[in-house]
Amino acid sequence: MVFDMTIFRRSVLAFALVLALGACESLTSPDSLIGSLWEGAEAPPLPGERISVLMREGVLKADPNLSAEEILLPPPTINPEWPQTGGYANHAMHHIKVAGNLSLAWNIDVGEAADDEELFVGTPVVAAGRVFVMDVLTTVSSYDAKTGDKYWEVALTPDEEDDGHIGGGVAYDDGRLFVAAGFGQIIALNATTGAVLWRKTVESPLRAAPTVRGGRVFVLSVDNKLHVFAAHNGKHLWVYDGIAEVASMLGGGSPAVDGGVVVVPYSSGELVALRVDNGRQLWTESLAMARQTEEMTTLSHIRGSPVIDRGRVFAMSNGGVLVSIDLRSGRRIWTKEVGGLQSPWGAGDYLFILTNDSEIAAVSRDFGRIHWVRPLPRFEDEEDKEGPIVWSGPVLVSDRLIIAGSHGEVVAISPYTGQFMGKVEIPDGISVPPIVANGSLFFLSDDAELFAYR
């Protein structure tokens, strides 16, 4: 199989140049999150007006009418598994419980490290007491979630594939592990042994991790086609063609599935809702901005996965649009002019978002009003504007928003006020969001090290 390497390298470059969120506060060693992310008292805010130090205008501003309104979240609960990108098929994970004090339980090498052309875009998954990871060369491995001991490893790249890899990811369901590969194949493995159960080829590379629900596997290709396969035998059930794009960023959001509907994020900025049984279109929306003033915003790519939560769809595009949409009718409930590359995180009556303007913010679920905004620096060296930082997340665990940075720092932020609560240093950068399962936090670093904290 051959694909356009010029487009591929352009996609990698576009991703690498995205200027995202920044870092803060004291360093600690990677074997102790205690006293850095979880024990420090929340510092009082500094007096005076908070101004975002940014390279462009149009930043979010908190609604002054909400300044006295207290944010209330549901109590955290344990999630036993994280079987897919975004957690479950609807990507709505709410408020997750972990221990009050976390420390490093284990860390292991899980394969080939990322480099300038081959990057991690899919997260590990956790199911049936195991962690499953795919490295940048499409080698998949399985580990004991408690100890880190390896069960199996299988290299899936065909011998004739030598043009590079562009992403994909893994998902678990009903004893099977489904692998979306950058060389244009969807592969089902026996999750216990790693044996290949079936392997199907599509016309172009697969850009994101699959979503699995109700015996169906949903996976997006770089030519903006949604392919749907039967989970038990790989039968190609149906395909939906989105608008093709000449260039897009590396990776992409995974479809969200709930209530018999699959919501698909495309690199064109299209957000499309389809019936899961036959692919019939229910509604479509565009998350591309009408006015675009910067080169990066011309890429309207919905790179973060959409979230389906209590009859609403929440999605954000790089082009500068955050929306709340009624799942059944497709009616827009509210829209905010804010862009980002990560998935919104919903809990209670709030969404938490990372933006392209180097900010993290709390947004009301019902009306899209901004409760607080935390501006963050963009660079490791702010004075010389060197070392741009790309952040991933957030995840909400036990009253902490956790984000991870490409410069190797993990930061905890209060979901109630936006104040920094501490941080920990990982030996290498992190490009994919952390995941949480059974009281443990997992981080996959760019040098292919998997860290488990509990």
Protein backbone atom coordinates (compact mmCIF):
# COMPACT_ATOMS: atom_id res chain seq x y z
CA MET A 1 0.00 0.00 0.00
CA VAL A 2 1.24 3.45 -0.90
CA PHE A 3 0.20 6.81 0.50
CA ASP A 4 1.39 10.38 -0.02
CA MET A 5 4.40 10.90 2.22
CA THR A 6 4.37 14.63 1.53
CA ILE A 7 0.94 14.90 3.10
CA PHE A 8 2.06 12.65 5.94
CA ARG A 9 5.11 14.75 6.78
CA ARG A 10 3.05 17.92 6.49
CA SER A 11 0.59 16.42 8.96
CA VAL A 12 3.37 15.58 11.40
CA LEU A 13 4.81 19.06 11.08
CA ALA A 14 1.44 20.69 11.63
CA PHE A 15 0.94 18.69 14.79
CA ALA A 16 4.41 19.46 16.08
CA LEU A 17 3.96 23.20 15.55
CA VAL A 18 0.68 23.47 17.48
CA LEU A 19 1.31 25.80 20.40
CA ALA A 20 -0.56 24.48 23.38
CA LEU A 21 -0.41 24.67 27.11
CA GLY A 22 2.44 25.32 29.52
CA ALA A 23 4.08 24.24 32.73
CA CYS A 24 4.67 25.48 36.25
CA GLU A 25 6.12 25.07 39.76
CA SER A 26 8.63 22.77 41.43
CA LEU A 27 10.14 19.56 40.09
CA THR A 28 9.88 16.18 41.77
CA SER A 29 11.24 12.76 40.87
CA PRO A 30 8.98 10.43 38.85
CA ASP A 31 8.74 7.88 41.67
CA SER A 32 6.68 10.12 43.91
CA LEU A 33 3.44 11.89 43.19
CA ILE A 34 2.92 12.22 46.95
CA GLY A 35 3.24 15.79 48.07
CA SER A 36 3.31 17.09 44.49
CA LEU A 37 -0.05 16.39 42.87
CA TRP A 38 -2.12 15.23 45.82
CA GLU A 39 -1.02 16.59 49.17
CA GLY A 40 -0.24 20.25 48.56
CA ALA A 41 -2.75 22.79 49.80
CA GLU A 42 -4.30 25.00 47.17
CA ALA A 43 -2.48 28.32 47.07
CA PRO A 44 -4.60 31.47 47.32
CA PRO A 45 -4.90 33.40 44.05
CA LEU A 46 -2.64 36.39 43.54
CA PRO A 47 -4.34 39.79 43.65
CA GLY A 48 -5.01 41.78 40.50
CA GLU A 49 -6.47 41.11 37.05
CA ARG A 50 -5.38 37.90 35.31
CA ILE A 51 -4.18 38.51 31.76
CA SER A 52 -3.25 35.71 29.37
CA VAL A 53 0.25 36.14 27.91
CA LEU A 54 -0.46 34.96 24.40
CA MET A 55 0.63 35.42 20.81
CA ARG A 56 -2.84 36.33 19.56
CA GLU A 57 -6.04 37.98 20.71
CA GLY A 58 -9.44 36.42 21.22
CA VAL A 59 -8.78 34.56 24.47
CA LEU A 60 -11.52 33.23 26.71
CA LYS A 61 -12.77 35.38 29.54
CA ALA A 62 -14.61 34.17 32.62
CA ASP A 63 -18.19 35.37 32.97
CA PRO A 64 -18.12 37.95 35.82
CA ASN A 65 -21.68 36.99 36.74
CA LEU A 66 -20.41 33.52 37.70
CA SER A 67 -17.61 34.71 40.00
CA ALA A 68 -19.60 34.00 43.15
CA GLU A 69 -21.08 30.73 41.90
CA GLU A 70 -19.48 27.65 43.46
CA ILE A 71 -18.63 24.73 41.19
CA LEU A 72 -20.10 21.51 42.54
CA LEU A 73 -19.05 18.12 41.17
CA PRO A 74 -20.47 14.64 41.73
CA PRO A 75 -18.39 12.47 44.08
CA PRO A 76 -15.64 10.44 42.37
CA THR A 77 -16.26 6.77 41.61
CA ILE A 78 -13.98 3.91 40.62
CA ASN A 79 -13.95 2.87 36.97
CA PRO A 80 -12.68 -0.73 36.74
CA GLU A 81 -11.53 -0.44 33.12
CA TRP A 82 -10.49 1.99 30.38
CA PRO A 83 -11.16 -0.24 27.36
CA GLN A 84 -11.07 2.37 24.57
CA THR A 85 -9.75 5.81 23.70
CA GLY A 86 -11.72 8.23 25.86
CA GLY A 87 -12.61 5.46 28.32
CA TYR A 88 -15.91 3.98 27.19
CA ALA A 89 -17.58 4.17 23.77
CA ASN A 90 -19.43 7.41 24.58
CA HIS A 91 -16.22 9.02 25.99
CA ALA A 92 -18.11 10.30 29.05
CA MET A 93 -16.03 9.38 32.13
CA HIS A 94 -17.21 11.99 34.68
CA HIS A 95 -15.35 12.13 38.03
CA ILE A 96 -13.00 9.17 38.62
CA LYS A 97 -11.72 8.03 42.00
CA VAL A 98 -8.07 7.35 42.81
CA ALA A 99 -6.21 7.14 46.10
CA GLY A 100 -5.42 10.33 48.00
CA ASN A 101 -1.69 9.59 47.84
CA LEU A 102 -0.22 8.14 44.67
CA SER A 103 3.27 6.83 44.02
CA LEU A 104 4.94 4.97 41.20
CA ALA A 105 3.91 1.32 41.18
CA TRP A 106 5.93 0.29 38.12
CA ASN A 107 7.30 1.52 34.81
CA ILE A 108 8.27 -0.55 31.78
CA ASP A 109 9.56 -0.22 28.22
CA VAL A 110 6.70 -1.03 25.83
CA GLY A 111 8.39 -0.85 22.43
CA GLU A 112 9.71 1.61 19.85
CA ALA A 113 10.01 5.24 20.93
CA ALA A 114 8.50 8.17 19.02
CA ASP A 115 10.61 10.41 16.79
CA ASP A 116 10.07 13.33 14.41
CA GLU A 117 8.14 11.22 11.89
CA GLU A 118 6.52 8.51 14.00
CA LEU A 119 4.50 9.73 16.95
CA PHE A 120 2.14 8.24 19.50
CA VAL A 121 -1.46 9.23 18.80
CA GLY A 122 -3.37 6.43 20.57
CA THR A 123 -3.52 5.81 24.31
CA PRO A 124 -3.06 2.48 26.07
CA VAL A 125 -6.24 0.72 27.20
CA VAL A 126 -6.99 -1.29 30.35
CA ALA A 127 -9.39 -4.23 30.52
CA ALA A 128 -9.65 -7.67 32.11
CA GLY A 129 -6.81 -6.82 34.51
CA ARG A 130 -4.39 -6.05 31.67
CA VAL A 131 -2.87 -3.02 29.97
CA PHE A 132 -2.64 -3.12 26.17
CA VAL A 133 -0.24 -0.79 24.33
CA MET A 134 0.68 -0.20 20.68
CA ASP A 135 4.05 1.37 19.89
CA VAL A 136 4.84 3.60 16.89
CA LEU A 137 5.76 0.58 14.72
CA THR A 138 2.42 -1.18 15.37
CA THR A 139 3.82 -3.73 17.78
CA VAL A 140 1.13 -4.50 20.34
CA SER A 141 1.88 -5.85 23.81
CA SER A 142 -0.06 -6.89 26.90
CA TYR A 143 0.92 -6.41 30.58
CA ASP A 144 -0.46 -7.20 34.00
CA ALA A 145 -2.10 -3.99 35.23
CA LYS A 146 -1.02 -4.60 38.84
CA THR A 147 2.61 -5.64 38.32
CA GLY A 148 3.62 -4.61 34.80
CA ASP A 149 4.64 -8.18 33.95
CA LYS A 150 4.45 -8.90 30.21
CA TYR A 151 1.99 -11.48 28.88
CA TRP A 152 2.63 -11.27 25.12
CA GLU A 153 3.88 -9.13 22.25
CA VAL A 154 2.99 -9.28 18.57
CA ALA A 155 4.43 -7.29 15.63
CA LEU A 156 1.63 -6.55 13.16
CA THR A 157 3.33 -4.56 10.38
CA PRO A 158 3.52 -6.53 7.12
CA ASP A 159 7.02 -7.07 5.74
CA GLU A 160 6.26 -5.04 2.60
CA GLU A 161 5.31 -1.93 4.61
CA ASP A 162 8.30 0.40 4.78
CA ASP A 163 6.75 3.84 4.16
CA GLY A 164 6.31 4.84 7.80
CA HIS A 165 3.46 4.77 10.25
CA ILE A 166 0.88 7.45 10.91
CA GLY A 167 -1.03 6.48 14.02
CA GLY A 168 -4.04 4.41 14.85
CA GLY A 169 -4.69 2.78 18.21
CA VAL A 170 -6.33 -0.08 20.09
CA ALA A 171 -9.67 -0.90 21.72
CA TYR A 172 -10.88 -3.84 23.83
CA ASP A 173 -14.26 -5.56 23.84
CA ASP A 174 -15.49 -9.01 24.86
CA GLY A 175 -12.11 -10.75 24.97
CA ARG A 176 -10.84 -9.22 21.73
CA LEU A 177 -8.35 -6.43 21.11
CA PHE A 178 -8.98 -4.39 17.97
CA VAL A 179 -6.05 -2.63 16.32
CA ALA A 180 -6.40 0.24 13.82
CA ALA A 181 -3.13 0.41 11.89
CA GLY A 182 -1.54 3.24 9.93
CA PHE A 183 -0.91 0.88 7.01
CA GLY A 184 -4.64 0.56 6.37
CA GLN A 185 -5.69 -2.54 8.27
CA ILE A 186 -8.07 -3.29 11.13
CA ILE A 187 -6.92 -6.36 13.06
CA ALA A 188 -8.64 -8.38 15.78
CA LEU A 189 -6.48 -10.19 18.35
CA ASN A 190 -7.27 -12.69 21.06
CA ALA A 191 -6.71 -10.50 24.12
CA THR A 192 -5.49 -13.43 26.21
CA THR A 193 -2.89 -14.81 23.80
CA GLY A 194 -2.28 -12.11 21.17
CA ALA A 195 -3.21 -14.49 18.34
CA VAL A 196 -4.64 -12.84 15.21
CA LEU A 197 -8.34 -13.65 14.82
CA TRP A 198 -8.98 -11.69 11.62
CA ARG A 199 -7.39 -8.94 9.54
CA LYS A 200 -9.13 -6.64 7.05
CA THR A 201 -7.63 -4.07 4.67
CA VAL A 202 -9.10 -0.70 3.63
CA GLU A 203 -7.99 1.70 0.92
CA SER A 204 -6.06 4.19 3.06
CA PRO A 205 -4.30 4.45 6.45
CA LEU A 206 -6.38 4.52 9.64
CA ARG A 207 -5.93 7.76 11.57
CA ALA A 208 -7.32 7.02 15.05
CA ALA A 209 -8.11 4.28 17.53
CA PRO A 210 -11.27 2.27 16.86
CA THR A 211 -14.46 2.51 18.89
CA VAL A 212 -16.28 -0.74 19.70
CA ARG A 213 -19.87 -1.14 20.84
CA GLY A 214 -22.70 -3.61 20.31
CA GLY A 215 -20.65 -6.03 18.22
CA ARG A 216 -19.49 -3.33 15.80
CA VAL A 217 -16.05 -1.78 15.27
CA PHE A 218 -15.99 1.84 14.06
CA VAL A 219 -12.77 3.20 12.58
CA LEU A 220 -11.78 6.33 10.60
CA SER A 221 -9.35 6.43 7.69
CA VAL A 222 -7.27 9.43 6.60
CA ASP A 223 -9.45 9.90 3.50
CA ASN A 224 -12.34 10.67 5.87
CA LYS A 225 -14.25 7.44 5.53
CA LEU A 226 -15.91 5.73 8.49
CA HIS A 227 -15.61 1.96 8.16
CA VAL A 228 -17.79 -0.34 10.26
CA PHE A 229 -16.91 -4.00 10.80
CA ALA A 230 -18.54 -6.90 12.61
CA ALA A 231 -16.49 -7.54 15.74
CA HIS A 232 -16.75 -11.32 15.66
CA ASN A 233 -15.59 -12.00 12.08
CA GLY A 234 -14.46 -8.70 10.51
CA LYS A 235 -17.28 -8.51 7.95
CA HIS A 236 -17.36 -5.02 6.40
CA LEU A 237 -20.88 -3.85 7.30
CA TRP A 238 -21.02 -0.35 5.82
CA VAL A 239 -18.97 2.76 5.05
CA TYR A 240 -19.76 6.47 5.22
CA ASP A 241 -17.80 9.00 3.13
CA GLY A 242 -16.99 12.35 4.69
CA ILE A 243 -15.53 15.35 2.88
CA ALA A 244 -11.97 14.55 1.77
CA GLU A 245 -9.18 16.91 2.91
CA VAL A 246 -5.83 17.45 1.18
CA ALA A 247 -4.02 18.04 4.47
CA SER A 248 -4.82 17.49 8.11
CA MET A 249 -3.08 17.01 11.43
CA LEU A 250 -1.65 13.70 12.60
CA GLY A 251 -4.13 11.52 14.42
CA GLY A 252 -7.77 12.27 15.04
CA GLY A 253 -10.73 11.77 17.31
CA SER A 254 -12.39 8.39 17.64
CA PRO A 255 -16.12 8.11 16.97
CA ALA A 256 -18.45 8.27 19.98
CA VAL A 257 -21.25 5.70 20.21
CA ASP A 258 -24.34 5.72 22.44
CA GLY A 259 -28.06 5.06 22.14
CA GLY A 260 -27.86 3.52 18.68
CA VAL A 261 -26.04 6.58 17.27
CA VAL A 262 -22.41 7.01 16.21
CA VAL A 263 -21.06 10.58 16.14
CA VAL A 264 -18.07 10.90 13.81
CA PRO A 265 -15.40 13.66 13.92
CA TYR A 266 -13.76 14.43 10.57
CA SER A 267 -10.61 16.34 9.67
CA SER A 268 -12.78 18.64 7.51
CA GLY A 269 -14.50 19.96 10.65
CA GLU A 270 -17.64 17.95 9.89
CA LEU A 271 -19.43 16.34 12.84
CA VAL A 272 -21.85 13.70 11.59
CA ALA A 273 -24.39 11.54 13.46
CA LEU A 274 -25.31 8.19 11.89
CA ARG A 275 -27.43 5.19 12.82
CA VAL A 276 -25.13 2.41 13.98
CA ASP A 277 -27.12 -0.35 12.24
CA ASN A 278 -27.09 0.98 8.67
CA GLY A 279 -25.10 4.25 8.51
CA ARG A 280 -28.12 6.42 7.69
CA GLN A 281 -27.32 10.08 8.36
CA LEU A 282 -29.29 11.69 11.18
CA TRP A 283 -27.66 15.13 11.13
CA THR A 284 -24.46 16.91 10.26
CA GLU A 285 -22.76 20.06 11.60
CA SER A 286 -19.66 22.02 10.61
CA LEU A 287 -17.17 23.04 13.29
CA ALA A 288 -15.16 25.22 10.91
CA MET A 289 -14.90 28.91 11.75
CA ALA A 290 -16.43 31.34 9.25
CA ARG A 291 -13.60 33.83 9.76
CA GLN A 292 -10.06 32.50 9.95
CA THR A 293 -7.10 34.75 10.57
CA GLU A 294 -4.24 32.34 11.19
CA GLU A 295 -2.79 29.58 9.07
CA MET A 296 -3.36 26.87 11.68
CA THR A 297 -7.05 27.70 12.03
CA THR A 298 -7.58 26.83 8.36
CA LEU A 299 -7.21 23.24 9.58
CA SER A 300 -10.70 22.68 11.01
CA HIS A 301 -9.77 19.15 12.10
CA ILE A 302 -11.78 17.72 15.01
CA ARG A 303 -8.80 15.97 16.55
CA GLY A 304 -10.29 15.37 19.99
CA SER A 305 -12.97 12.72 20.34
CA PRO A 306 -16.56 13.94 20.71
CA VAL A 307 -18.38 13.16 23.96
CA ILE A 308 -21.95 11.87 24.25
CA ASP A 309 -23.36 12.55 27.71
CA ARG A 310 -27.01 12.48 28.81
CA GLY A 311 -28.43 13.18 25.39
CA ARG A 312 -25.92 15.87 24.45
CA VAL A 313 -22.92 15.83 22.11
CA PHE A 314 -19.92 17.98 22.99
CA ALA A 315 -17.11 18.52 20.48
CA MET A 316 -14.34 21.03 19.76
CA SER A 317 -12.40 21.67 16.56
CA ASN A 318 -8.98 23.11 15.88
CA GLY A 319 -10.78 25.64 13.69
CA GLY A 320 -12.19 27.42 16.73
CA VAL A 321 -15.63 26.02 17.55
CA LEU A 322 -16.89 24.31 20.72
CA VAL A 323 -20.48 23.07 20.51
CA SER A 324 -23.23 21.42 22.49
CA ILE A 325 -25.69 19.54 20.25
CA ASP A 326 -28.83 17.56 20.96
CA LEU A 327 -28.00 13.95 20.08
CA ARG A 328 -31.35 13.06 18.52
CA SER A 329 -32.31 16.19 16.62
CA GLY A 330 -28.90 17.70 15.83
CA ARG A 331 -30.06 21.07 17.18
CA ARG A 332 -27.22 23.31 18.37
CA ILE A 333 -27.84 24.21 21.99
CA TRP A 334 -24.89 26.60 22.29
CA THR A 335 -21.64 27.49 20.52
CA LYS A 336 -18.39 29.03 21.80
CA GLU A 337 -15.64 30.45 19.60
CA VAL A 338 -12.79 28.45 21.09
CA GLY A 339 -10.58 25.81 19.48
CA GLY A 340 -8.51 22.93 20.75
CA LEU A 341 -6.99 19.56 19.90
CA GLN A 342 -8.14 17.61 22.96
CA SER A 343 -11.48 16.11 23.95
CA PRO A 344 -13.71 18.03 26.35
CA TRP A 345 -14.05 16.35 29.74
CA GLY A 346 -17.55 16.38 31.20
CA ALA A 347 -18.50 15.97 34.87
CA GLY A 348 -21.74 17.04 36.50
CA ASP A 349 -22.86 20.39 35.08
CA TYR A 350 -19.42 21.30 33.69
CA LEU A 351 -16.97 20.74 30.86
CA PHE A 352 -13.22 21.16 31.22
CA ILE A 353 -11.24 22.05 28.10
CA LEU A 354 -7.70 22.74 26.90
CA THR A 355 -7.57 25.37 24.18
CA ASN A 356 -5.25 26.38 21.35
CA ASP A 357 -4.76 29.70 23.14
CA SER A 358 -2.79 28.05 25.97
CA GLU A 359 -5.64 28.02 28.44
CA ILE A 360 -7.55 25.53 30.54
CA ALA A 361 -11.12 26.47 31.36
CA ALA A 362 -14.32 25.34 33.11
CA VAL A 363 -17.45 25.72 30.97
CA SER A 364 -21.07 25.30 32.06
CA ARG A 365 -22.63 22.27 30.41
CA ASP A 366 -26.08 23.82 29.99
CA PHE A 367 -25.26 27.26 28.58
CA GLY A 368 -21.56 27.31 27.56
CA ARG A 369 -20.71 30.08 30.04
CA ILE A 370 -17.13 30.29 31.30
CA HIS A 371 -16.65 29.83 35.06
CA TRP A 372 -12.88 30.22 35.17
CA VAL A 373 -9.94 30.38 32.80
CA ARG A 374 -6.34 29.55 33.66
CA PRO A 375 -3.82 31.03 31.18
CA LEU A 376 -0.64 29.02 30.80
CA PRO A 377 2.74 29.74 29.18
CA ARG A 378 3.40 28.23 25.79
CA PHE A 379 7.13 27.55 25.94
CA GLU A 380 9.72 25.93 28.16
CA ASP A 381 11.73 29.13 27.67
CA GLU A 382 9.12 31.89 27.68
CA GLU A 383 11.65 34.69 27.32
CA ASP A 384 13.16 33.40 24.07
CA LYS A 385 9.97 31.62 22.90
CA GLU A 386 11.83 28.31 22.61
CA GLY A 387 10.61 24.80 23.29
CA PRO A 388 6.89 24.92 22.45
CA ILE A 389 4.85 22.80 24.84
CA VAL A 390 1.97 20.58 23.70
CA TRP A 391 -0.36 19.42 26.49
CA SER A 392 -2.81 16.54 26.55
CA GLY A 393 -5.82 15.84 28.72
CA PRO A 394 -7.50 16.74 30.96
CA VAL A 395 -8.71 13.84 33.07
CA LEU A 396 -10.63 14.50 36.29
CA VAL A 397 -9.59 12.31 39.22
CA SER A 398 -10.43 12.84 42.91
CA ASP A 399 -10.84 16.63 42.69
CA ARG A 400 -7.82 17.12 40.42
CA LEU A 401 -7.62 17.92 36.71
CA ILE A 402 -4.54 16.14 35.38
CA ILE A 403 -2.78 17.30 32.19
CA ALA A 404 0.48 15.99 30.75
CA GLY A 405 3.05 17.89 28.69
CA SER A 406 5.38 17.24 25.79
CA HIS A 407 8.25 18.51 27.99
CA GLY A 408 7.74 15.71 30.55
CA GLU A 409 5.68 17.38 33.24
CA VAL A 410 2.35 16.27 34.70
CA VAL A 411 0.34 19.06 36.32
CA ALA A 412 -2.63 18.99 38.72
CA ILE A 413 -5.14 21.85 38.59
CA SER A 414 -8.17 22.51 40.79
CA PRO A 415 -11.43 21.93 38.89
CA TYR A 416 -13.13 24.37 41.24
CA THR A 417 -10.89 27.43 40.80
CA GLY A 418 -8.30 26.69 38.13
CA GLN A 419 -5.44 27.09 40.60
CA PHE A 420 -2.27 24.99 40.26
CA MET A 421 -2.04 22.25 42.87
CA GLY A 422 1.32 20.70 42.03
CA LYS A 423 3.24 18.73 39.47
CA VAL A 424 5.53 15.78 38.87
CA GLU A 425 8.26 15.22 36.28
CA ILE A 426 8.36 12.25 33.90
CA PRO A 427 11.73 11.43 32.27
CA ASP A 428 10.44 12.13 28.75
CA GLY A 429 7.66 14.07 27.05
CA ILE A 430 4.06 12.89 26.86
CA SER A 431 1.93 13.32 23.72
CA VAL A 432 -1.21 11.33 24.57
CA PRO A 433 -3.64 11.86 27.45
CA PRO A 434 -3.26 9.88 30.67
CA ILE A 435 -5.75 7.10 31.38
CA VAL A 436 -7.31 5.90 34.63
CA ALA A 437 -8.52 2.45 35.65
CA ASN A 438 -9.18 0.69 38.95
CA GLY A 439 -7.62 3.48 41.00
CA SER A 440 -4.43 3.73 38.92
CA LEU A 441 -3.15 6.50 36.65
CA PHE A 442 -1.17 5.45 33.56
CA PHE A 443 1.13 7.69 31.47
CA LEU A 444 2.71 6.68 28.15
CA SER A 445 5.80 8.78 27.42
CA ASP A 446 7.30 9.48 24.01
CA ASP A 447 10.27 7.21 24.72
CA ALA A 448 7.78 4.30 24.98
CA GLU A 449 7.87 4.05 28.78
CA LEU A 450 4.59 3.20 30.49
CA PHE A 451 4.22 4.52 34.05
CA ALA A 452 1.61 3.26 36.52
CA TYR A 453 0.81 5.30 39.65
CA ARG A 454 -1.45 4.11 42.43
